[in-house]
Amino acid sequence: MVFYAELLIFGYNRNITTRGCYRMNKFSFWHKVAFIANCCWLIAWAMKYNAFLPEGHIRSTVLVVGLVMACVLNALANAWTLILFLGGRLQSAAAPRWLLVLNFLFLLPQFYLFFI
């Protein structure tokens, strides 16, 4: 995360205010949250074969986020992307294309494992 003082020191954009520095597009935010949940999903499936995280809060958080929330968040983020794509407004959404593609690629095995 880039702080406001760094922006002023290095002179990137002097018109950025403190309030505007921390604004993020909701579409991009939810895709990033879904990507983090997808990473937890990968770790949770890897822990099925080798429990490399120690017992505790981190392990339980990774398991809950990965196995419970990842499929839901990813499905909602991809549904939102589909709605914007069908409406022709996907170009105005400020999310990186690689993030959209990776979230969709994560959705395929999640649906396969969830429904089959």
Protein backbone atom coordinates (compact mmCIF):
# COMPACT_ATOMS: atom_id res chain seq x y z
CA MET A 1 0.00 0.00 0.00
CA VAL A 2 1.32 3.42 -0.91
CA PHE A 3 0.98 6.04 1.77
CA TYR A 4 0.04 9.67 1.18
CA ALA A 5 3.41 10.91 2.43
CA GLU A 6 5.23 8.73 -0.09
CA LEU A 7 3.10 10.13 -2.87
CA LEU A 8 4.02 13.66 -1.81
CA ILE A 9 7.72 12.90 -1.34
CA PHE A 10 8.18 11.17 -4.67
CA GLY A 11 5.83 13.54 -6.46
CA TYR A 12 3.62 11.01 -8.22
CA ASN A 13 0.40 13.00 -8.19
CA ARG A 14 0.16 16.15 -6.13
CA ASN A 15 -3.62 16.39 -6.61
CA ILE A 16 -4.35 13.28 -4.54
CA THR A 17 -5.96 14.04 -1.22
CA THR A 18 -5.79 11.80 1.82
CA ARG A 19 -9.41 10.80 1.36
CA GLY A 20 -8.99 9.99 -2.32
CA CYS A 21 -5.79 8.04 -1.72
CA TYR A 22 -7.63 5.17 -0.05
CA ARG A 23 -10.63 4.92 -2.39
CA MET A 24 -10.99 1.66 -4.26
CA ASN A 25 -13.50 0.50 -6.77
CA LYS A 26 -15.97 -1.95 -5.18
CA PHE A 27 -15.68 -4.28 -8.15
CA SER A 28 -11.90 -4.46 -7.82
CA PHE A 29 -12.11 -4.82 -4.03
CA TRP A 30 -14.43 -7.83 -4.13
CA HIS A 31 -12.36 -9.53 -6.81
CA LYS A 32 -9.26 -9.08 -4.64
CA VAL A 33 -11.07 -10.50 -1.62
CA ALA A 34 -12.23 -13.45 -3.73
CA PHE A 35 -8.64 -14.00 -4.90
CA ILE A 36 -7.38 -14.08 -1.30
CA ALA A 37 -10.13 -16.55 -0.44
CA ASN A 38 -9.12 -18.65 -3.46
CA CYS A 39 -5.53 -18.72 -2.22
CA CYS A 40 -6.85 -19.94 1.14
CA TRP A 41 -8.82 -22.58 -0.76
CA LEU A 42 -5.62 -23.84 -2.38
CA ILE A 43 -3.85 -23.94 0.98
CA ALA A 44 -6.81 -25.77 2.55
CA TRP A 45 -6.77 -28.43 -0.17
CA ALA A 46 -3.00 -28.79 0.16
CA MET A 47 -3.44 -29.24 3.91
CA LYS A 48 -5.73 -32.18 3.21
CA TYR A 49 -2.63 -34.15 2.21
CA ASN A 50 0.01 -32.50 4.42
CA ALA A 51 -0.88 -30.39 7.46
CA PHE A 52 1.94 -27.85 7.27
CA LEU A 53 0.25 -25.07 9.27
CA PRO A 54 0.40 -25.42 13.06
CA GLU A 55 -2.79 -25.80 15.10
CA GLY A 56 -4.24 -22.44 16.00
CA HIS A 57 -6.01 -19.37 14.77
CA ILE A 58 -4.23 -19.09 11.43
CA ARG A 59 -4.99 -22.66 10.46
CA SER A 60 -8.65 -22.38 11.42
CA THR A 61 -9.00 -19.06 9.59
CA VAL A 62 -7.44 -20.47 6.42
CA LEU A 63 -9.73 -23.50 6.58
CA VAL A 64 -12.91 -21.49 7.14
CA VAL A 65 -12.12 -18.87 4.51
CA GLY A 66 -10.84 -21.46 2.04
CA LEU A 67 -13.49 -24.12 2.34
CA VAL A 68 -16.58 -22.09 3.24
CA MET A 69 -16.24 -18.57 1.91
CA ALA A 70 -14.11 -19.03 -1.21
CA CYS A 71 -16.79 -20.67 -3.33
CA VAL A 72 -19.42 -18.11 -2.32
CA LEU A 73 -17.22 -15.04 -2.80
CA ASN A 74 -15.84 -16.33 -6.07
CA ALA A 75 -19.30 -17.15 -7.43
CA LEU A 76 -20.61 -13.69 -6.50
CA ALA A 77 -17.59 -11.91 -7.99
CA ASN A 78 -17.85 -13.87 -11.23
CA ALA A 79 -21.61 -13.33 -11.41
CA TRP A 80 -21.01 -9.59 -11.06
CA THR A 81 -18.41 -9.80 -13.85
CA LEU A 82 -20.87 -11.67 -16.06
CA ILE A 83 -23.58 -9.07 -15.46
CA LEU A 84 -21.18 -6.24 -16.35
CA PHE A 85 -19.95 -8.16 -19.41
CA LEU A 86 -23.48 -8.78 -20.71
CA GLY A 87 -24.40 -5.16 -20.07
CA GLY A 88 -21.36 -3.93 -21.97
CA ARG A 89 -19.90 -2.09 -18.98
CA LEU A 90 -16.97 -4.38 -18.21
CA GLN A 91 -14.52 -1.91 -19.80
CA SER A 92 -15.35 0.71 -17.16
CA ALA A 93 -14.70 -1.70 -14.27
CA ALA A 94 -11.27 -1.04 -12.83
CA ALA A 95 -10.05 -4.56 -12.15
CA PRO A 96 -7.03 -6.18 -13.76
CA ARG A 97 -7.83 -8.71 -16.44
CA TRP A 98 -5.47 -11.31 -14.96
CA LEU A 99 -7.46 -11.16 -11.71
CA LEU A 100 -10.75 -11.74 -13.53
CA VAL A 101 -9.30 -14.68 -15.44
CA LEU A 102 -7.73 -16.27 -12.35
CA ASN A 103 -10.94 -15.95 -10.35
CA PHE A 104 -12.86 -17.60 -13.18
CA LEU A 105 -10.30 -20.40 -13.43
CA PHE A 106 -10.62 -20.98 -9.67
CA LEU A 107 -14.40 -21.13 -10.05
CA LEU A 108 -14.33 -24.17 -12.34
CA PRO A 109 -12.75 -26.68 -9.89
CA GLN A 110 -14.67 -25.17 -6.99
CA PHE A 111 -17.99 -25.82 -8.70
CA TYR A 112 -16.82 -29.26 -9.76
CA LEU A 113 -15.87 -30.23 -6.19
CA PHE A 114 -18.91 -28.54 -4.66
CA PHE A 115 -21.59 -30.02 -6.90
CA ILE A 116 -20.10 -33.39 -7.82
